[in-house]
Amino acid sequence: MKGYLAEEHEDDAGRACFPEFGIERENESYRLPATRPERLKAVQQLLAALPTHGFYQKKYGTAY
């Protein structure tokens, strides 16, 4: 998702959408949460955001 957002937005504007996809800043990087319950919530959030941004039909969209 980070790659798709980088393609769609110039500069670091894609990072502003990371929370919508459940991606959080951890130390110096952005990733899904490490603990299983929080990661489950983040994946559900990510799946809900895919159609909003039109990523659901891409290679790493909903089917993946």
PDB file of N, CA and C in Angstrom:
ATOM      1  N   MET A   1       0.804  -1.179   0.000  1.00  0.00           N
ATOM      2  CA  MET A   1       0.000   0.000   0.000  1.00  0.00           C
ATOM      3  C   MET A   1       0.857   1.257   0.000  1.00  0.00           C
ATOM      4  N   LYS A   2       1.961   1.189   0.719  1.00  0.00           N
ATOM      5  CA  LYS A   2       2.823   2.364   0.776  1.00  0.00           C
ATOM      6  C   LYS A   2       3.326   2.716  -0.619  1.00  0.00           C
ATOM      7  N   GLY A   3       3.623   1.715  -1.421  1.00  0.00           N
ATOM      8  CA  GLY A   3       4.074   1.955  -2.791  1.00  0.00           C
ATOM      9  C   GLY A   3       2.985   2.560  -3.654  1.00  0.00           C
ATOM     10  N   TYR A   4       1.770   2.050  -3.519  1.00  0.00           N
ATOM     11  CA  TYR A   4       0.650   2.602  -4.284  1.00  0.00           C
ATOM     12  C   TYR A   4       0.393   4.053  -3.895  1.00  0.00           C
ATOM     13  N   LEU A   5       0.470   4.354  -2.613  1.00  0.00           N
ATOM     14  CA  LEU A   5       0.259   5.731  -2.166  1.00  0.00           C
ATOM     15  C   LEU A   5       1.372   6.650  -2.651  1.00  0.00           C
ATOM     16  N   ALA A   6       2.596   6.138  -2.689  1.00  0.00           N
ATOM     17  CA  ALA A   6       3.724   6.939  -3.175  1.00  0.00           C
ATOM     18  C   ALA A   6       3.562   7.246  -4.664  1.00  0.00           C
ATOM     19  N   GLU A   7       3.034   6.274  -5.440  1.00  0.00           N
ATOM     20  CA  GLU A   7       2.805   6.490  -6.866  1.00  0.00           C
ATOM     21  C   GLU A   7       1.741   7.565  -7.090  1.00  0.00           C
ATOM     22  N   GLU A   8       0.718   7.541  -6.249  1.00  0.00           N
ATOM     23  CA  GLU A   8      -0.419   8.422  -6.442  1.00  0.00           C
ATOM     24  C   GLU A   8      -0.171   9.849  -5.963  1.00  0.00           C
ATOM     25  N   HIS A   9       0.660  10.005  -4.939  1.00  0.00           N
ATOM     26  CA  HIS A   9       0.902  11.318  -4.346  1.00  0.00           C
ATOM     27  C   HIS A   9       2.361  11.706  -4.510  1.00  0.00           C
ATOM     28  N   GLU A  10       2.593  12.976  -4.725  1.00  0.00           N
ATOM     29  CA  GLU A  10       3.959  13.470  -4.846  1.00  0.00           C
ATOM     30  C   GLU A  10       4.532  13.745  -3.456  1.00  0.00           C
ATOM     31  N   ASP A  11       5.838  13.766  -3.355  1.00  0.00           N
ATOM     32  CA  ASP A  11       6.552  14.042  -2.109  1.00  0.00           C
ATOM     33  C   ASP A  11       6.091  13.082  -1.016  1.00  0.00           C
ATOM     34  N   ASP A  12       5.864  13.590   0.170  1.00  0.00           N
ATOM     35  CA  ASP A  12       5.449  12.763   1.300  1.00  0.00           C
ATOM     36  C   ASP A  12       3.954  12.860   1.572  1.00  0.00           C
ATOM     37  N   ALA A  13       3.192  13.325   0.622  1.00  0.00           N
ATOM     38  CA  ALA A  13       1.751  13.488   0.817  1.00  0.00           C
ATOM     39  C   ALA A  13       1.064  12.144   1.038  1.00  0.00           C
ATOM     40  N   GLY A  14       1.611  11.070   0.503  1.00  0.00           N
ATOM     41  CA  GLY A  14       1.036   9.742   0.703  1.00  0.00           C
ATOM     42  C   GLY A  14       1.080   9.296   2.145  1.00  0.00           C
ATOM     43  N   ARG A  15       2.073   9.779   2.896  1.00  0.00           N
ATOM     44  CA  ARG A  15       2.179   9.402   4.309  1.00  0.00           C
ATOM     45  C   ARG A  15       0.991   9.899   5.118  1.00  0.00           C
ATOM     46  N   ALA A  16       0.363  10.936   4.670  1.00  0.00           N
ATOM     47  CA  ALA A  16      -0.807  11.461   5.377  1.00  0.00           C
ATOM     48  C   ALA A  16      -1.963  10.459   5.344  1.00  0.00           C
ATOM     49  N   CYS A  17      -1.969   9.573   4.364  1.00  0.00           N
ATOM     50  CA  CYS A  17      -3.027   8.568   4.234  1.00  0.00           C
ATOM     51  C   CYS A  17      -2.724   7.284   4.998  1.00  0.00           C
ATOM     52  N   PHE A  18      -1.517   7.120   5.502  1.00  0.00           N
ATOM     53  CA  PHE A  18      -1.129   5.885   6.185  1.00  0.00           C
ATOM     54  C   PHE A  18      -2.088   5.504   7.315  1.00  0.00           C
ATOM     55  N   PRO A  19      -2.482   6.421   8.203  1.00  0.00           N
ATOM     56  CA  PRO A  19      -3.398   6.026   9.280  1.00  0.00           C
ATOM     57  C   PRO A  19      -4.729   5.490   8.770  1.00  0.00           C
ATOM     58  N   GLU A  20      -5.178   5.987   7.637  1.00  0.00           N
ATOM     59  CA  GLU A  20      -6.431   5.493   7.052  1.00  0.00           C
ATOM     60  C   GLU A  20      -6.313   4.018   6.674  1.00  0.00           C
ATOM     61  N   PHE A  21      -5.109   3.580   6.347  1.00  0.00           N
ATOM     62  CA  PHE A  21      -4.843   2.193   5.973  1.00  0.00           C
ATOM     63  C   PHE A  21      -4.361   1.355   7.158  1.00  0.00           C
ATOM     64  N   GLY A  22      -4.347   1.913   8.356  1.00  0.00           N
ATOM     65  CA  GLY A  22      -3.915   1.178   9.534  1.00  0.00           C
ATOM     66  C   GLY A  22      -2.407   1.120   9.695  1.00  0.00           C
ATOM     67  N   ILE A  23      -1.676   1.859   8.888  1.00  0.00           N
ATOM     68  CA  ILE A  23      -0.220   1.867   8.943  1.00  0.00           C
ATOM     69  C   ILE A  23       0.214   2.920   9.962  1.00  0.00           C
ATOM     70  N   GLU A  24       1.028   2.495  10.924  1.00  0.00           N
ATOM     71  CA  GLU A  24       1.464   3.379  11.998  1.00  0.00           C
ATOM     72  C   GLU A  24       2.971   3.588  11.944  1.00  0.00           C
ATOM     73  N   ARG A  25       3.399   4.677  12.530  1.00  0.00           N
ATOM     74  CA  ARG A  25       4.835   4.940  12.624  1.00  0.00           C
ATOM     75  C   ARG A  25       5.370   4.212  13.853  1.00  0.00           C
ATOM     76  N   GLU A  26       6.382   3.406  13.626  1.00  0.00           N
ATOM     77  CA  GLU A  26       7.018   2.666  14.712  1.00  0.00           C
ATOM     78  C   GLU A  26       8.519   2.866  14.583  1.00  0.00           C
ATOM     79  N   ASN A  27       9.107   3.526  15.549  1.00  0.00           N
ATOM     80  CA  ASN A  27      10.521   3.926  15.495  1.00  0.00           C
ATOM     81  C   ASN A  27      10.734   4.827  14.286  1.00  0.00           C
ATOM     82  N   GLU A  28      11.516   4.408  13.338  1.00  0.00           N
ATOM     83  CA  GLU A  28      11.814   5.233  12.158  1.00  0.00           C
ATOM     84  C   GLU A  28      11.113   4.729  10.898  1.00  0.00           C
ATOM     85  N   SER A  29      10.186   3.785  11.038  1.00  0.00           N
ATOM     86  CA  SER A  29       9.530   3.239   9.858  1.00  0.00           C
ATOM     87  C   SER A  29       8.015   3.204  10.053  1.00  0.00           C
ATOM     88  N   TYR A  30       7.316   2.946   8.976  1.00  0.00           N
ATOM     89  CA  TYR A  30       5.865   2.842   8.992  1.00  0.00           C
ATOM     90  C   TYR A  30       5.503   1.397   8.695  1.00  0.00           C
ATOM     91  N   ARG A  31       4.622   0.836   9.506  1.00  0.00           N
ATOM     92  CA  ARG A  31       4.224  -0.561   9.324  1.00  0.00           C
ATOM     93  C   ARG A  31       2.909  -0.837  10.017  1.00  0.00           C
ATOM     94  N   LEU A  32       2.382  -2.029   9.771  1.00  0.00           N
ATOM     95  CA  LEU A  32       1.205  -2.459  10.505  1.00  0.00           C
ATOM     96  C   LEU A  32       1.636  -2.795  11.928  1.00  0.00           C
ATOM     97  N   PRO A  33       0.738  -2.694  12.896  1.00  0.00           N
ATOM     98  CA  PRO A  33       1.102  -3.001  14.280  1.00  0.00           C
ATOM     99  C   PRO A  33       1.632  -4.428  14.436  1.00  0.00           C
ATOM    100  N   ALA A  34       2.481  -4.625  15.438  1.00  0.00           N
ATOM    101  CA  ALA A  34       3.119  -5.924  15.648  1.00  0.00           C
ATOM    102  C   ALA A  34       2.232  -6.904  16.404  1.00  0.00           C
ATOM    103  N   THR A  35       1.427  -6.412  17.332  1.00  0.00           N
ATOM    104  CA  THR A  35       0.599  -7.328  18.116  1.00  0.00           C
ATOM    105  C   THR A  35      -0.615  -7.771  17.315  1.00  0.00           C
ATOM    106  N   ARG A  36      -0.987  -9.009  17.498  1.00  0.00           N
ATOM    107  CA  ARG A  36      -2.046  -9.597  16.692  1.00  0.00           C
ATOM    108  C   ARG A  36      -3.389  -8.853  16.786  1.00  0.00           C
ATOM    109  N   PRO A  37      -3.897  -8.517  17.979  1.00  0.00           N
ATOM    110  CA  PRO A  37      -5.199  -7.812  18.032  1.00  0.00           C
ATOM    111  C   PRO A  37      -5.173  -6.460  17.328  1.00  0.00           C
ATOM    112  N   GLU A  38      -4.100  -5.714  17.498  1.00  0.00           N
ATOM    113  CA  GLU A  38      -4.002  -4.413  16.840  1.00  0.00           C
ATOM    114  C   GLU A  38      -3.806  -4.574  15.337  1.00  0.00           C
ATOM    115  N   ARG A  39      -3.078  -5.599  14.922  1.00  0.00           N
ATOM    116  CA  ARG A  39      -2.865  -5.845  13.495  1.00  0.00           C
ATOM    117  C   ARG A  39      -4.173  -6.246  12.829  1.00  0.00           C
ATOM    118  N   LEU A  40      -5.001  -7.029  13.525  1.00  0.00           N
ATOM    119  CA  LEU A  40      -6.305  -7.421  12.985  1.00  0.00           C
ATOM    120  C   LEU A  40      -7.170  -6.194  12.723  1.00  0.00           C
ATOM    121  N   LYS A  41      -7.191  -5.249  13.668  1.00  0.00           N
ATOM    122  CA  LYS A  41      -7.940  -4.003  13.476  1.00  0.00           C
ATOM    123  C   LYS A  41      -7.380  -3.201  12.307  1.00  0.00           C
ATOM    124  N   ALA A  42      -6.046  -3.178  12.191  1.00  0.00           N
ATOM    125  CA  ALA A  42      -5.407  -2.416  11.121  1.00  0.00           C
ATOM    126  C   ALA A  42      -5.711  -3.026   9.752  1.00  0.00           C
ATOM    127  N   VAL A  43      -5.738  -4.348   9.666  1.00  0.00           N
ATOM    128  CA  VAL A  43      -6.038  -5.001   8.385  1.00  0.00           C
ATOM    129  C   VAL A  43      -7.486  -4.736   7.987  1.00  0.00           C
ATOM    130  N   GLN A  44      -8.377  -4.745   8.942  1.00  0.00           N
ATOM    131  CA  GLN A  44      -9.775  -4.416   8.644  1.00  0.00           C
ATOM    132  C   GLN A  44      -9.890  -2.976   8.155  1.00  0.00           C
ATOM    133  N   GLN A  45      -9.140  -2.101   8.760  1.00  0.00           N
ATOM    134  CA  GLN A  45      -9.104  -0.700   8.347  1.00  0.00           C
ATOM    135  C   GLN A  45      -8.536  -0.580   6.937  1.00  0.00           C
ATOM    136  N   LEU A  46      -7.488  -1.341   6.657  1.00  0.00           N
ATOM    137  CA  LEU A  46      -6.851  -1.328   5.343  1.00  0.00           C
ATOM    138  C   LEU A  46      -7.833  -1.808   4.269  1.00  0.00           C
ATOM    139  N   LEU A  47      -8.538  -2.897   4.550  1.00  0.00           N
ATOM    140  CA  LEU A  47      -9.505  -3.417   3.581  1.00  0.00           C
ATOM    141  C   LEU A  47     -10.632  -2.423   3.308  1.00  0.00           C
ATOM    142  N   ALA A  48     -11.035  -1.682   4.319  1.00  0.00           N
ATOM    143  CA  ALA A  48     -12.087  -0.679   4.137  1.00  0.00           C
ATOM    144  C   ALA A  48     -11.599   0.498   3.295  1.00  0.00           C
ATOM    145  N   ALA A  49     -10.299   0.804   3.365  1.00  0.00           N
ATOM    146  CA  ALA A  49      -9.750   1.957   2.642  1.00  0.00           C
ATOM    147  C   ALA A  49      -9.415   1.635   1.180  1.00  0.00           C
ATOM    148  N   LEU A  50      -9.281   0.377   0.833  1.00  0.00           N
ATOM    149  CA  LEU A  50      -8.913   0.014  -0.541  1.00  0.00           C
ATOM    150  C   LEU A  50      -9.876   0.565  -1.594  1.00  0.00           C
ATOM    151  N   PRO A  51     -11.189   0.359  -1.465  1.00  0.00           N
ATOM    152  CA  PRO A  51     -12.099   0.891  -2.485  1.00  0.00           C
ATOM    153  C   PRO A  51     -12.110   2.419  -2.553  1.00  0.00           C
ATOM    154  N   THR A  52     -11.900   3.064  -1.429  1.00  0.00           N
ATOM    155  CA  THR A  52     -11.902   4.522  -1.380  1.00  0.00           C
ATOM    156  C   THR A  52     -10.826   5.108  -2.286  1.00  0.00           C
ATOM    157  N   HIS A  53      -9.676   4.464  -2.318  1.00  0.00           N
ATOM    158  CA  HIS A  53      -8.547   4.954  -3.107  1.00  0.00           C
ATOM    159  C   HIS A  53      -8.384   4.228  -4.443  1.00  0.00           C
ATOM    160  N   GLY A  54      -9.257   3.265  -4.723  1.00  0.00           N
ATOM    161  CA  GLY A  54      -9.215   2.555  -5.997  1.00  0.00           C
ATOM    162  C   GLY A  54      -8.126   1.502  -6.092  1.00  0.00           C
ATOM    163  N   PHE A  55      -7.651   1.012  -4.958  1.00  0.00           N
ATOM    164  CA  PHE A  55      -6.585   0.014  -4.966  1.00  0.00           C
ATOM    165  C   PHE A  55      -7.110  -1.416  -4.899  1.00  0.00           C
ATOM    166  N   TYR A  56      -8.412  -1.599  -4.765  1.00  0.00           N
ATOM    167  CA  TYR A  56      -8.972  -2.926  -4.559  1.00  0.00           C
ATOM    168  C   TYR A  56      -8.767  -3.863  -5.747  1.00  0.00           C
ATOM    169  N   GLN A  57      -8.596  -3.357  -6.970  1.00  0.00           N
ATOM    170  CA  GLN A  57      -8.427  -4.207  -8.138  1.00  0.00           C
ATOM    171  C   GLN A  57      -6.972  -4.367  -8.551  1.00  0.00           C
ATOM    172  N   LYS A  58      -6.067  -3.729  -7.850  1.00  0.00           N
ATOM    173  CA  LYS A  58      -4.654  -3.848  -8.179  1.00  0.00           C
ATOM    174  C   LYS A  58      -4.119  -5.208  -7.733  1.00  0.00           C
ATOM    175  N   LYS A  59      -2.908  -5.524  -8.138  1.00  0.00           N
ATOM    176  CA  LYS A  59      -2.298  -6.829  -7.833  1.00  0.00           C
ATOM    177  C   LYS A  59      -2.315  -7.135  -6.338  1.00  0.00           C
ATOM    178  N   TYR A  60      -1.971  -6.143  -5.513  1.00  0.00           N
ATOM    179  CA  TYR A  60      -1.950  -6.351  -4.065  1.00  0.00           C
ATOM    180  C   TYR A  60      -3.147  -5.688  -3.400  1.00  0.00           C
ATOM    181  N   GLY A  61      -4.286  -5.818  -4.023  1.00  0.00           N
ATOM    182  CA  GLY A  61      -5.526  -5.246  -3.500  1.00  0.00           C
ATOM    183  C   GLY A  61      -6.267  -6.232  -2.634  1.00  0.00           C
ATOM    184  N   THR A  62      -7.578  -6.226  -2.726  1.00  0.00           N
ATOM    185  CA  THR A  62      -8.429  -7.040  -1.877  1.00  0.00           C
ATOM    186  C   THR A  62      -8.165  -8.543  -2.033  1.00  0.00           C
ATOM    187  N   ALA A  63      -7.972  -9.008  -3.231  1.00  0.00           N
ATOM    188  CA  ALA A  63      -7.758 -10.445  -3.452  1.00  0.00           C
ATOM    189  C   ALA A  63      -6.488 -10.950  -2.783  1.00  0.00           C
ATOM    190  N   TYR A  64      -5.478 -10.110  -2.723  1.00  0.00           N
ATOM    191  CA  TYR A  64      -4.221 -10.523  -2.105  1.00  0.00           C
ATOM    192  C   TYR A  64      -4.417 -10.710  -0.630  1.00  0.00           C
TER     193      TYR A  64
END
